[in-house]
Amino acid sequence: MLNRFYIVVSVLLTIATLQAQDKGLIEVRAEVDTAVITIGDRIIYSIIIDRQEDLRIARPGEGLNLGGFEIKSYNFPEPVQEDGRIIERFDFNISVYDTGKYAIPPFPVAYFMDDTTSKFSIIEAPAIDIYVNSVMSGDEAGELKDIKAPLEIPFDYFLWIITISVIVAFLAAVWFIYYIVKKKREKGYLFSPPPLPRPAHEIALEALDELYDTELLERKAFKEFFSRLSEILRIYLEGRYYISALEETTSEIMLEVQEHLDQYNLYAGLNELLTLSDMVKFAKFKPESEPIEKCKSFALEFVNETKLIFEESFPAENEQESSEQVIETENKLLHE
């Protein structure tokens, strides 16, 4: 029995001696800036390692296992050398998102006696308890109140009357605009009636005067002159007889004009003018001055002889007298 007692004492003394030696070689501490927080608050958890200068350690990394805590950021300051010892600090910014008691587990630090051996010993930073409280306090923490019922909005008769009036007025305005546009479209125009088109002979005579005032003939620009002269007459034929003269050949034009024109001299002169224009345009024919002057005078004559003349009709005297008699008879019958 006495021997067993001596053995236990010897073992305890050995362990105490080893711990005393370890404490001289290396010391590891763990600390927090606060041990009581509310949900979502952050804690600064620090591991401080105080060791001899010639002692090699396995330094803590960024991905520590801290139980239920989440590492938000970290900061590892430069080691401090002091009296043959090195003090290193490892700070971790951590947080947790549930209430209750949490423990930051002990963190083991492995250290080596020298660089030549792979044998290592372990020393632990102690565990730390953290208490996480709810953001509510007092009675609110234990009791959740029901959602309040929605507030009733009083019925505003005046607002509804205004709203309905505006809608009715808007629909009436839309209908009125639709009615006006429809009527205008039925008449063929939307706002104001388009101006009446100018008579074809006025346009042609004006264009011929402008052509004759040019210096094309003096410059011997026969092709330009006869191209323009032929175009003016073709446009006139389209406006006067409603034929596609600008898109037809001379022979096709003459076939259609024959149905509308019964004066042979005008028909022959038009055929001669258009044929000469084709020769000048396509065959590079250079006419003499006499045919040119003849074409110029004939173009004016053709337009003046074939133009439509609009005259306002007036009722004859007998018609006026008969209408007056009808009015007098109706007045007598009404008085009787």
Protein backbone atom coordinates (compact mmCIF):
# COMPACT_ATOMS: atom_id res chain seq x y z
CA MET A 1 0.00 0.00 0.00
CA LEU A 2 2.84 2.32 0.87
CA ASN A 3 4.59 1.44 -2.41
CA ARG A 4 1.53 2.43 -4.39
CA PHE A 5 1.46 5.79 -2.64
CA TYR A 6 5.08 6.44 -3.55
CA ILE A 7 4.40 5.54 -7.17
CA VAL A 8 1.46 8.03 -7.46
CA VAL A 9 3.48 10.79 -5.86
CA SER A 10 6.35 10.14 -8.25
CA VAL A 11 4.04 10.34 -11.28
CA LEU A 12 2.49 13.61 -10.11
CA LEU A 13 5.90 15.14 -9.50
CA THR A 14 7.00 14.07 -13.01
CA ILE A 15 3.94 15.67 -14.63
CA ALA A 16 4.40 18.86 -12.62
CA THR A 17 8.04 18.99 -13.68
CA LEU A 18 7.14 18.56 -17.35
CA GLN A 19 4.44 21.24 -17.15
CA ALA A 20 6.88 23.59 -15.50
CA GLN A 21 9.37 22.91 -18.30
CA ASP A 22 6.64 23.46 -20.97
CA LYS A 23 5.62 26.68 -19.33
CA GLY A 24 9.15 27.88 -19.60
CA LEU A 25 9.37 26.82 -23.24
CA ILE A 26 5.96 28.03 -24.49
CA GLU A 27 2.75 29.56 -23.11
CA VAL A 28 -0.57 29.78 -25.00
CA ARG A 29 -3.47 32.02 -23.94
CA ALA A 30 -6.93 32.59 -25.43
CA GLU A 31 -9.04 35.67 -24.73
CA VAL A 32 -12.10 37.56 -26.04
CA ASP A 33 -13.03 41.21 -25.81
CA THR A 34 -16.46 40.27 -24.41
CA ALA A 35 -18.15 37.05 -23.33
CA VAL A 36 -21.79 38.28 -23.47
CA ILE A 37 -23.26 39.46 -26.78
CA THR A 38 -26.58 39.70 -28.67
CA ILE A 39 -27.37 37.90 -31.90
CA GLY A 40 -25.25 39.21 -34.78
CA ASP A 41 -22.70 41.03 -32.60
CA ARG A 42 -19.04 40.39 -33.30
CA ILE A 43 -16.33 39.19 -30.92
CA ILE A 44 -12.58 39.59 -31.17
CA TYR A 45 -11.13 36.14 -30.29
CA SER A 46 -7.35 36.20 -29.79
CA ILE A 47 -4.73 33.47 -29.44
CA ILE A 48 -1.45 34.67 -27.86
CA ILE A 49 1.63 32.42 -28.05
CA ASP A 50 4.62 33.28 -25.89
CA ARG A 51 7.59 31.00 -26.70
CA GLN A 52 11.32 30.73 -26.62
CA GLU A 53 13.10 32.09 -29.64
CA ASP A 54 14.58 28.74 -30.73
CA LEU A 55 11.28 26.87 -30.42
CA ARG A 56 9.46 26.04 -33.65
CA ILE A 57 5.61 25.99 -33.68
CA ALA A 58 2.76 25.22 -36.06
CA ARG A 59 1.11 28.65 -36.39
CA PRO A 60 -2.73 28.92 -36.41
CA GLY A 61 -4.21 29.42 -39.88
CA GLU A 62 -7.13 31.45 -41.23
CA GLY A 63 -9.59 28.52 -41.31
CA LEU A 64 -9.86 27.76 -37.59
CA ASN A 65 -12.60 25.46 -36.32
CA LEU A 66 -14.37 27.60 -33.74
CA GLY A 67 -17.48 25.48 -33.21
CA GLY A 68 -20.72 27.37 -33.92
CA PHE A 69 -18.92 30.64 -34.59
CA GLU A 70 -18.32 32.06 -38.06
CA ILE A 71 -15.05 33.83 -38.84
CA LYS A 72 -15.77 37.18 -40.49
CA SER A 73 -12.19 38.46 -40.74
CA TYR A 74 -8.78 37.98 -39.17
CA ASN A 75 -5.62 39.96 -38.37
CA PHE A 76 -2.16 38.53 -37.66
CA PRO A 77 0.18 41.32 -36.42
CA GLU A 78 3.93 41.00 -36.73
CA PRO A 79 5.56 38.94 -33.89
CA VAL A 80 7.20 40.87 -31.05
CA GLN A 81 10.70 39.79 -29.91
CA GLU A 82 11.47 40.44 -26.28
CA ASP A 83 14.25 39.07 -23.95
CA GLY A 84 14.97 36.03 -26.10
CA ARG A 85 11.29 35.20 -26.47
CA ILE A 86 8.81 35.71 -29.28
CA ILE A 87 5.21 36.79 -28.64
CA GLU A 88 2.76 36.17 -31.48
CA ARG A 89 -0.86 37.25 -31.60
CA PHE A 90 -3.65 35.88 -33.83
CA ASP A 91 -6.94 37.89 -33.84
CA PHE A 92 -10.18 36.53 -35.30
CA ASN A 93 -13.37 38.58 -35.80
CA ILE A 94 -16.20 36.07 -35.18
CA SER A 95 -20.00 36.06 -34.85
CA VAL A 96 -22.96 33.70 -34.19
CA TYR A 97 -26.64 33.91 -35.19
CA ASP A 98 -28.51 32.02 -32.47
CA THR A 99 -29.15 32.53 -28.77
CA GLY A 100 -27.78 30.42 -25.94
CA LYS A 101 -24.47 29.39 -24.44
CA TYR A 102 -21.64 28.64 -26.84
CA ALA A 103 -18.10 27.47 -26.21
CA ILE A 104 -15.07 28.35 -28.27
CA PRO A 105 -13.25 25.00 -28.15
CA PRO A 106 -9.66 24.63 -26.87
CA PHE A 107 -7.17 25.34 -29.60
CA PRO A 108 -4.13 22.98 -29.76
CA VAL A 109 -0.72 24.37 -30.68
CA ALA A 110 1.99 21.92 -31.82
CA TYR A 111 5.62 22.84 -31.01
CA PHE A 112 8.95 21.25 -31.91
CA MET A 113 12.07 21.25 -29.77
CA ASP A 114 14.36 21.89 -32.78
CA ASP A 115 14.31 21.97 -36.57
CA THR A 116 15.89 18.53 -36.97
CA THR A 117 13.21 16.42 -35.35
CA SER A 118 9.67 15.67 -36.41
CA LYS A 119 8.55 14.87 -32.90
CA PHE A 120 6.22 17.46 -31.44
CA SER A 121 4.28 18.19 -28.30
CA ILE A 122 0.83 19.76 -27.92
CA ILE A 123 -0.21 22.65 -25.71
CA GLU A 124 -3.79 23.95 -25.77
CA ALA A 125 -5.34 27.37 -25.52
CA PRO A 126 -8.21 27.01 -23.01
CA ALA A 127 -11.87 26.94 -24.05
CA ILE A 128 -13.98 30.08 -23.55
CA ASP A 129 -17.73 30.24 -22.90
CA ILE A 130 -19.78 32.83 -24.78
CA TYR A 131 -23.38 33.80 -23.91
CA VAL A 132 -25.59 35.01 -26.80
CA ASN A 133 -28.74 36.91 -25.83
CA SER A 134 -31.77 37.83 -27.92
CA VAL A 135 -32.23 41.37 -29.17
CA MET A 136 -35.46 41.52 -27.13
CA SER A 137 -35.38 42.00 -23.41
CA GLY A 138 -37.77 41.60 -20.47
CA ASP A 139 -41.29 40.39 -21.20
CA GLU A 140 -40.76 40.81 -24.93
CA ALA A 141 -38.15 38.07 -24.95
CA GLY A 142 -40.60 35.41 -23.83
CA GLU A 143 -43.76 36.55 -25.62
CA LEU A 144 -44.33 37.22 -29.30
CA LYS A 145 -47.28 39.44 -30.05
CA ASP A 146 -49.64 38.75 -32.92
CA ILE A 147 -49.72 40.94 -35.99
CA LYS A 148 -52.16 43.81 -35.70
CA ALA A 149 -55.22 43.71 -37.92
CA PRO A 150 -55.13 46.00 -40.97
CA LEU A 151 -56.68 49.41 -40.55
CA GLU A 152 -59.96 50.00 -42.36
CA ILE A 153 -59.99 52.87 -44.81
CA PRO A 154 -63.25 54.85 -44.59
CA PHE A 155 -65.29 55.02 -47.80
CA ASP A 156 -64.75 58.42 -49.44
CA TYR A 157 -67.88 59.26 -51.43
CA PHE A 158 -66.50 62.56 -52.67
CA LEU A 159 -63.38 60.88 -54.08
CA TRP A 160 -65.46 58.25 -55.89
CA ILE A 161 -67.76 60.91 -57.37
CA ILE A 162 -64.76 62.85 -58.68
CA THR A 163 -63.17 59.67 -60.05
CA ILE A 164 -66.33 58.53 -61.85
CA SER A 165 -66.88 62.02 -63.26
CA VAL A 166 -63.35 62.14 -64.64
CA ILE A 167 -63.75 58.68 -66.24
CA VAL A 168 -67.09 59.62 -67.82
CA ALA A 169 -65.65 62.89 -69.13
CA PHE A 170 -62.63 61.07 -70.55
CA LEU A 171 -64.79 58.46 -72.31
CA ALA A 172 -67.04 61.20 -73.70
CA ALA A 173 -64.00 63.08 -75.04
CA VAL A 174 -62.65 59.88 -76.64
CA TRP A 175 -66.02 59.18 -78.28
CA PHE A 176 -66.32 62.76 -79.53
CA ILE A 177 -62.84 62.68 -81.05
CA TYR A 178 -63.60 59.32 -82.68
CA TYR A 179 -66.87 60.69 -84.10
CA ILE A 180 -65.18 63.80 -85.53
CA VAL A 181 -62.31 61.79 -87.05
CA LYS A 182 -64.76 59.32 -88.59
CA LYS A 183 -66.82 62.09 -90.18
CA LYS A 184 -63.73 63.82 -91.48
CA ARG A 185 -62.44 60.59 -93.00
CA GLU A 186 -65.77 60.01 -94.69
CA LYS A 187 -65.34 63.42 -96.32
CA GLY A 188 -61.84 62.49 -97.43
CA TYR A 189 -59.84 64.80 -95.21
CA LEU A 190 -59.15 65.05 -91.48
CA PHE A 191 -58.91 68.73 -90.55
CA SER A 192 -59.25 71.18 -93.44
CA PRO A 193 -60.06 70.21 -97.03
CA PRO A 194 -56.97 69.92 -99.24
CA PRO A 195 -56.53 72.61 -101.87
CA LEU A 196 -57.97 71.84 -105.27
CA PRO A 197 -55.35 70.53 -107.69
CA ARG A 198 -54.16 72.99 -110.29
CA PRO A 199 -55.43 72.38 -113.81
CA ALA A 200 -53.00 70.38 -115.92
CA HIS A 201 -52.80 73.06 -118.63
CA GLU A 202 -51.69 75.73 -116.12
CA ILE A 203 -48.86 73.55 -114.90
CA ALA A 204 -47.83 72.68 -118.47
CA LEU A 205 -47.88 76.29 -119.75
CA GLU A 206 -45.89 77.48 -116.74
CA ALA A 207 -43.30 74.71 -117.27
CA LEU A 208 -43.03 75.52 -121.01
CA ASP A 209 -42.40 79.21 -120.26
CA GLU A 210 -39.64 78.27 -117.83
CA LEU A 211 -38.09 75.90 -120.39
CA TYR A 212 -38.17 78.49 -123.18
CA ASP A 213 -36.48 81.06 -120.91
CA THR A 214 -33.45 78.81 -120.45
CA GLU A 215 -30.29 78.98 -122.60
CA LEU A 216 -30.30 75.28 -123.46
CA LEU A 217 -30.78 75.89 -127.18
CA GLU A 218 -28.11 78.63 -127.27
CA ARG A 219 -25.69 76.16 -125.68
CA LYS A 220 -26.70 73.47 -128.19
CA ALA A 221 -27.96 71.29 -125.33
CA PHE A 222 -30.59 69.68 -127.59
CA LYS A 223 -30.85 66.46 -125.60
CA GLU A 224 -31.61 68.32 -122.37
CA PHE A 225 -34.11 70.63 -124.06
CA PHE A 226 -36.10 67.94 -125.86
CA SER A 227 -36.01 65.60 -122.82
CA ARG A 228 -37.61 68.33 -120.73
CA LEU A 229 -40.07 69.28 -123.50
CA SER A 230 -41.19 65.67 -123.92
CA GLU A 231 -41.55 65.25 -120.14
CA ILE A 232 -43.75 68.37 -119.83
CA LEU A 233 -46.12 67.12 -122.54
CA ARG A 234 -46.25 63.62 -121.07
CA ILE A 235 -47.16 65.03 -117.63
CA TYR A 236 -49.85 67.15 -119.27
CA LEU A 237 -51.28 64.12 -121.08
CA GLU A 238 -51.47 62.21 -117.78
CA GLY A 239 -53.33 65.07 -116.07
CA ARG A 240 -55.58 65.79 -119.05
CA TYR A 241 -56.46 62.32 -120.36
CA TYR A 242 -55.48 60.16 -117.35
CA ILE A 243 -53.06 57.94 -119.26
CA SER A 244 -49.68 56.64 -118.02
CA ALA A 245 -47.71 58.72 -120.50
CA LEU A 246 -44.52 58.89 -118.41
CA GLU A 247 -44.23 55.09 -118.40
CA GLU A 248 -45.19 54.46 -122.03
CA THR A 249 -43.37 54.67 -125.34
CA THR A 250 -44.37 57.20 -128.00
CA SER A 251 -46.31 54.60 -130.01
CA GLU A 252 -48.22 53.47 -126.89
CA ILE A 253 -49.07 57.08 -126.04
CA MET A 254 -50.37 57.80 -129.53
CA LEU A 255 -52.61 54.73 -129.41
CA GLU A 256 -54.25 55.98 -126.21
CA VAL A 257 -54.42 59.63 -127.32
CA GLN A 258 -56.19 58.54 -130.53
CA GLU A 259 -59.20 57.51 -128.40
CA HIS A 260 -59.51 61.01 -126.88
CA LEU A 261 -58.26 63.37 -129.63
CA ASP A 262 -60.35 63.77 -132.77
CA GLN A 263 -58.39 66.65 -134.33
CA TYR A 264 -55.95 65.15 -136.81
CA ASN A 265 -53.59 68.15 -136.97
CA LEU A 266 -53.09 68.06 -133.18
CA TYR A 267 -52.63 64.28 -133.24
CA ALA A 268 -50.08 64.45 -136.07
CA GLY A 269 -48.22 67.37 -134.51
CA LEU A 270 -47.97 65.57 -131.15
CA ASN A 271 -46.67 62.44 -132.86
CA GLU A 272 -44.09 64.48 -134.75
CA LEU A 273 -42.91 66.31 -131.62
CA LEU A 274 -42.57 63.14 -129.49
CA THR A 275 -40.81 61.28 -132.32
CA LEU A 276 -38.31 64.11 -132.82
CA SER A 277 -37.68 64.20 -129.06
CA ASP A 278 -36.93 60.45 -129.09
CA MET A 279 -34.47 60.89 -131.97
CA VAL A 280 -32.65 63.67 -130.15
CA LYS A 281 -32.56 61.79 -126.83
CA PHE A 282 -31.64 58.32 -128.06
CA ALA A 283 -30.11 58.74 -131.54
CA LYS A 284 -28.12 61.95 -130.82
CA PHE A 285 -29.96 63.70 -133.66
CA LYS A 286 -29.24 67.44 -133.97
CA PRO A 287 -32.31 69.25 -135.38
CA GLU A 288 -32.23 72.50 -137.32
CA SER A 289 -33.63 75.71 -135.93
CA GLU A 290 -36.85 75.56 -138.00
CA PRO A 291 -38.10 72.21 -136.58
CA ILE A 292 -37.15 73.40 -133.12
CA GLU A 293 -39.23 76.56 -133.39
CA LYS A 294 -42.08 74.54 -134.85
CA CYS A 295 -42.01 72.16 -131.85
CA LYS A 296 -41.94 75.08 -129.41
CA SER A 297 -44.96 76.78 -130.93
CA PHE A 298 -46.85 73.50 -131.37
CA ALA A 299 -46.38 72.55 -127.70
CA LEU A 300 -48.08 75.79 -126.63
CA GLU A 301 -50.79 75.36 -129.26
CA PHE A 302 -51.48 71.75 -128.25
CA VAL A 303 -51.94 72.64 -124.57
CA ASN A 304 -54.15 75.63 -125.32
CA GLU A 305 -56.31 73.72 -127.82
CA THR A 306 -56.87 70.67 -125.61
CA LYS A 307 -57.18 72.28 -122.16
CA LEU A 308 -60.33 71.89 -120.13
CA ILE A 309 -62.21 75.14 -119.49
CA PHE A 310 -64.27 75.29 -116.30
CA GLU A 311 -67.20 77.71 -116.51
CA GLU A 312 -69.76 78.51 -113.84
CA SER A 313 -73.24 77.78 -115.05
CA PHE A 314 -76.05 80.29 -114.41
CA PRO A 315 -79.79 79.47 -114.64
CA ALA A 316 -81.58 80.88 -117.66
CA GLU A 317 -84.08 83.73 -117.26
CA ASN A 318 -87.07 81.45 -117.88
CA GLU A 319 -85.78 79.04 -115.24
CA GLN A 320 -85.42 81.90 -112.74
CA GLU A 321 -88.97 83.10 -113.43
CA SER A 322 -90.42 79.60 -113.05
CA SER A 323 -88.64 79.07 -109.75
CA GLU A 324 -89.93 82.41 -108.44
CA GLN A 325 -93.48 81.42 -109.42
CA VAL A 326 -93.16 78.12 -107.57
CA ILE A 327 -92.02 79.94 -104.42
CA GLU A 328 -94.95 82.42 -104.60
CA THR A 329 -97.44 79.56 -105.03
CA GLU A 330 -96.06 77.73 -102.01
CA ASN A 331 -96.28 80.90 -99.87
CA LYS A 332 -99.95 81.39 -100.85
CA LEU A 333 -100.83 77.83 -99.95
CA LEU A 334 -99.17 78.21 -96.57
CA HIS A 335 -101.13 81.41 -95.78
CA GLU A 336 -104.43 79.81 -96.83
